[in-house]
Each structure stands twice: as C-alpha cells, then as structure tokens.
Amino acid sequence: MVEEHSQITDRRPTIMTVKEVAKYLRMHMTSVYRLAKAGILPAHRVGGSWRFKKAEIEEWLKNRSNIQPVNEINQ
C-alpha cells in the first residue's frame, strides 16, 4: 500500500503556495502576488488562493531573458 501511494505522488506535479514560491525565488510575497495577478508568473487560482506548479516556475525562470522590475508592473 505504501508503495502504491509513493508511485501516485511521484507522478503529481509539485504544487507550491505563494509563500513557498517567494522563498524559492527569494522575493517578497507581495511581488509574487503582483506577478501572478499580472499574468507574468505562471500561476493558477484555486478558490481564493494562488497555486504554482514548480515545473512551470522553473521553466519560466529558464526562459526569462528580460526581467522587468516589479515596481514597473501595472497594478
């Protein structure tokens, strides 16, 4: 039974909260919210919360060549 559970969780994408993404990207949580709301950071709304797939965040970082300062993002 434990082996079956392990196989299932290995196939699931790693889902992160705003706090986890902020820590991972070493930025303030407010910046993560602003980037997600602006559609710049790949994010998904689940109920009233933002969720992020770690693979999408890593791909975003990899493909990001021109990083716009957060204070220049339309609020």
N, C-alpha and C. Protein backbone atom coordinates (compact mmCIF):
# COMPACT_ATOMS: atom_id res chain seq x y z
N MET A 1 0.82 -1.19 0.00
CA MET A 1 0.00 0.00 0.00
C MET A 1 0.87 1.26 0.00
N VAL A 2 1.92 1.29 0.79
CA VAL A 2 2.81 2.44 0.83
C VAL A 2 3.47 2.63 -0.52
N GLU A 3 3.86 1.54 -1.18
CA GLU A 3 4.50 1.62 -2.48
C GLU A 3 3.55 2.23 -3.51
N GLU A 4 2.26 1.85 -3.47
CA GLU A 4 1.27 2.41 -4.39
C GLU A 4 1.13 3.91 -4.17
N HIS A 5 1.06 4.34 -2.93
CA HIS A 5 0.94 5.76 -2.61
C HIS A 5 2.17 6.53 -3.12
N SER A 6 3.34 5.97 -2.95
CA SER A 6 4.57 6.59 -3.41
C SER A 6 4.57 6.78 -4.92
N GLN A 7 4.09 5.80 -5.65
CA GLN A 7 4.05 5.90 -7.11
C GLN A 7 3.08 6.98 -7.55
N ILE A 8 1.96 7.11 -6.86
CA ILE A 8 0.98 8.14 -7.21
C ILE A 8 1.55 9.52 -6.97
N THR A 9 2.16 9.76 -5.83
CA THR A 9 2.68 11.08 -5.52
C THR A 9 3.86 11.45 -6.41
N ASP A 10 4.59 10.49 -6.92
CA ASP A 10 5.72 10.78 -7.80
C ASP A 10 5.25 11.33 -9.14
N ARG A 11 4.04 11.00 -9.55
CA ARG A 11 3.52 11.47 -10.83
C ARG A 11 2.84 12.83 -10.73
N ARG A 12 2.53 13.26 -9.55
CA ARG A 12 1.86 14.54 -9.36
C ARG A 12 2.87 15.68 -9.49
N PRO A 13 2.44 16.80 -10.07
CA PRO A 13 3.35 17.95 -10.10
C PRO A 13 3.49 18.54 -8.70
N THR A 14 4.63 19.11 -8.41
CA THR A 14 4.83 19.75 -7.13
C THR A 14 4.10 21.09 -7.16
N ILE A 15 3.15 21.24 -6.26
CA ILE A 15 2.35 22.46 -6.18
C ILE A 15 2.89 23.30 -5.03
N MET A 16 3.06 24.60 -5.30
CA MET A 16 3.64 25.50 -4.31
C MET A 16 2.66 26.62 -3.97
N THR A 17 2.76 27.11 -2.75
CA THR A 17 1.97 28.26 -2.31
C THR A 17 2.75 29.54 -2.61
N VAL A 18 2.10 30.67 -2.40
CA VAL A 18 2.76 31.97 -2.59
C VAL A 18 4.00 32.06 -1.69
N LYS A 19 3.86 31.65 -0.46
CA LYS A 19 4.98 31.71 0.49
C LYS A 19 6.15 30.85 0.02
N GLU A 20 5.85 29.65 -0.48
CA GLU A 20 6.90 28.75 -0.96
C GLU A 20 7.59 29.31 -2.20
N VAL A 21 6.80 29.89 -3.11
CA VAL A 21 7.38 30.48 -4.33
C VAL A 21 8.25 31.68 -3.96
N ALA A 22 7.77 32.51 -3.04
CA ALA A 22 8.55 33.67 -2.61
C ALA A 22 9.89 33.24 -2.04
N LYS A 23 9.88 32.21 -1.22
CA LYS A 23 11.13 31.70 -0.65
C LYS A 23 12.03 31.12 -1.74
N TYR A 24 11.43 30.35 -2.65
CA TYR A 24 12.18 29.71 -3.74
C TYR A 24 12.83 30.75 -4.66
N LEU A 25 12.09 31.83 -4.97
CA LEU A 25 12.60 32.87 -5.87
C LEU A 25 13.35 33.98 -5.12
N ARG A 26 13.35 33.88 -3.79
CA ARG A 26 14.00 34.89 -2.94
C ARG A 26 13.44 36.29 -3.21
N MET A 27 12.12 36.37 -3.17
CA MET A 27 11.45 37.66 -3.34
C MET A 27 10.33 37.78 -2.32
N HIS A 28 9.82 38.97 -2.18
CA HIS A 28 8.76 39.22 -1.22
C HIS A 28 7.45 38.61 -1.72
N MET A 29 6.62 38.18 -0.78
CA MET A 29 5.34 37.57 -1.15
C MET A 29 4.46 38.53 -1.96
N THR A 30 4.52 39.81 -1.65
CA THR A 30 3.74 40.81 -2.39
C THR A 30 4.16 40.83 -3.86
N SER A 31 5.43 40.67 -4.12
CA SER A 31 5.92 40.64 -5.50
C SER A 31 5.38 39.42 -6.24
N VAL A 32 5.32 38.29 -5.56
CA VAL A 32 4.78 37.07 -6.16
C VAL A 32 3.31 37.29 -6.51
N TYR A 33 2.53 37.88 -5.59
CA TYR A 33 1.13 38.17 -5.86
C TYR A 33 0.99 39.08 -7.08
N ARG A 34 1.79 40.13 -7.15
CA ARG A 34 1.70 41.08 -8.27
C ARG A 34 2.05 40.43 -9.59
N LEU A 35 3.09 39.63 -9.60
CA LEU A 35 3.50 38.94 -10.84
C LEU A 35 2.44 37.94 -11.29
N ALA A 36 1.85 37.23 -10.34
CA ALA A 36 0.81 36.26 -10.67
C ALA A 36 -0.43 36.97 -11.20
N LYS A 37 -0.85 38.02 -10.53
CA LYS A 37 -2.03 38.78 -10.94
C LYS A 37 -1.84 39.40 -12.32
N ALA A 38 -0.64 39.85 -12.62
CA ALA A 38 -0.34 40.46 -13.92
C ALA A 38 -0.19 39.43 -15.03
N GLY A 39 -0.16 38.15 -14.66
CA GLY A 39 0.00 37.09 -15.66
C GLY A 39 1.43 36.88 -16.10
N ILE A 40 2.35 37.45 -15.38
CA ILE A 40 3.78 37.33 -15.72
C ILE A 40 4.35 36.04 -15.17
N LEU A 41 3.98 35.70 -13.95
CA LEU A 41 4.42 34.47 -13.31
C LEU A 41 3.35 33.41 -13.52
N PRO A 42 3.70 32.24 -14.02
CA PRO A 42 2.68 31.21 -14.25
C PRO A 42 2.04 30.77 -12.94
N ALA A 43 0.73 30.97 -12.85
CA ALA A 43 0.02 30.68 -11.61
C ALA A 43 -1.40 30.23 -11.91
N HIS A 44 -2.02 29.62 -10.92
CA HIS A 44 -3.38 29.11 -11.04
C HIS A 44 -4.15 29.51 -9.80
N ARG A 45 -5.38 29.98 -10.00
CA ARG A 45 -6.24 30.30 -8.86
C ARG A 45 -7.00 29.04 -8.46
N VAL A 46 -6.93 28.71 -7.19
CA VAL A 46 -7.68 27.59 -6.64
C VAL A 46 -8.52 28.17 -5.52
N GLY A 47 -9.81 28.32 -5.79
CA GLY A 47 -10.65 29.02 -4.82
C GLY A 47 -10.17 30.45 -4.73
N GLY A 48 -9.82 30.89 -3.56
CA GLY A 48 -9.32 32.25 -3.38
C GLY A 48 -7.81 32.31 -3.25
N SER A 49 -7.14 31.21 -3.52
CA SER A 49 -5.69 31.15 -3.32
C SER A 49 -4.94 30.96 -4.64
N TRP A 50 -3.72 31.44 -4.66
CA TRP A 50 -2.84 31.20 -5.81
C TRP A 50 -2.05 29.93 -5.56
N ARG A 51 -1.87 29.15 -6.61
CA ARG A 51 -1.03 27.95 -6.56
C ARG A 51 -0.12 27.96 -7.78
N PHE A 52 1.04 27.37 -7.62
CA PHE A 52 2.07 27.39 -8.66
C PHE A 52 2.63 25.98 -8.84
N LYS A 53 2.81 25.58 -10.09
CA LYS A 53 3.47 24.31 -10.37
C LYS A 53 4.96 24.60 -10.44
N LYS A 54 5.72 23.86 -9.66
CA LYS A 54 7.16 24.11 -9.59
C LYS A 54 7.81 23.98 -10.96
N ALA A 55 7.39 23.01 -11.76
CA ALA A 55 7.96 22.83 -13.10
C ALA A 55 7.72 24.06 -13.97
N GLU A 56 6.54 24.69 -13.84
CA GLU A 56 6.24 25.89 -14.62
C GLU A 56 7.09 27.07 -14.14
N ILE A 57 7.32 27.18 -12.85
CA ILE A 57 8.17 28.25 -12.31
C ILE A 57 9.60 28.07 -12.81
N GLU A 58 10.09 26.84 -12.78
CA GLU A 58 11.45 26.57 -13.26
C GLU A 58 11.58 26.87 -14.76
N GLU A 59 10.57 26.52 -15.54
CA GLU A 59 10.58 26.81 -16.98
C GLU A 59 10.53 28.32 -17.22
N TRP A 60 9.73 29.02 -16.44
CA TRP A 60 9.62 30.48 -16.53
C TRP A 60 10.98 31.12 -16.26
N LEU A 61 11.67 30.65 -15.23
CA LEU A 61 12.99 31.17 -14.91
C LEU A 61 13.98 30.91 -16.05
N LYS A 62 13.92 29.71 -16.58
CA LYS A 62 14.83 29.31 -17.65
C LYS A 62 14.64 30.17 -18.91
N ASN A 63 13.40 30.48 -19.24
CA ASN A 63 13.08 31.21 -20.46
C ASN A 63 13.06 32.72 -20.29
N ARG A 64 13.19 33.18 -19.08
CA ARG A 64 13.10 34.61 -18.79
C ARG A 64 14.42 35.28 -19.14
N SER A 65 14.42 36.12 -20.16
CA SER A 65 15.66 36.79 -20.54
C SER A 65 15.67 38.25 -20.10
N ASN A 66 14.51 38.87 -20.06
CA ASN A 66 14.40 40.27 -19.69
C ASN A 66 13.50 40.38 -18.48
N ILE A 67 14.07 40.56 -17.31
CA ILE A 67 13.27 40.63 -16.11
C ILE A 67 12.89 42.07 -15.85
N GLN A 68 11.58 42.31 -15.84
CA GLN A 68 11.04 43.65 -15.59
C GLN A 68 10.91 43.85 -14.10
N PRO A 69 11.39 44.99 -13.58
CA PRO A 69 11.23 45.26 -12.15
C PRO A 69 9.77 45.23 -11.75
N VAL A 70 9.48 44.69 -10.59
CA VAL A 70 8.11 44.54 -10.12
C VAL A 70 7.42 45.90 -10.01
N ASN A 71 8.14 46.94 -9.64
CA ASN A 71 7.50 48.25 -9.48
C ASN A 71 7.08 48.85 -10.82
N GLU A 72 7.44 48.28 -11.94
CA GLU A 72 7.01 48.76 -13.24
C GLU A 72 5.79 48.01 -13.77
N ILE A 73 5.32 47.02 -13.04
CA ILE A 73 4.16 46.24 -13.44
C ILE A 73 2.91 47.02 -13.10
N ASN A 74 1.99 47.11 -14.05
CA ASN A 74 0.72 47.79 -13.79
C ASN A 74 -0.05 47.07 -12.70
N GLN A 75 -0.51 47.82 -11.73
CA GLN A 75 -1.23 47.23 -10.61
C GLN A 75 -2.71 47.30 -10.84
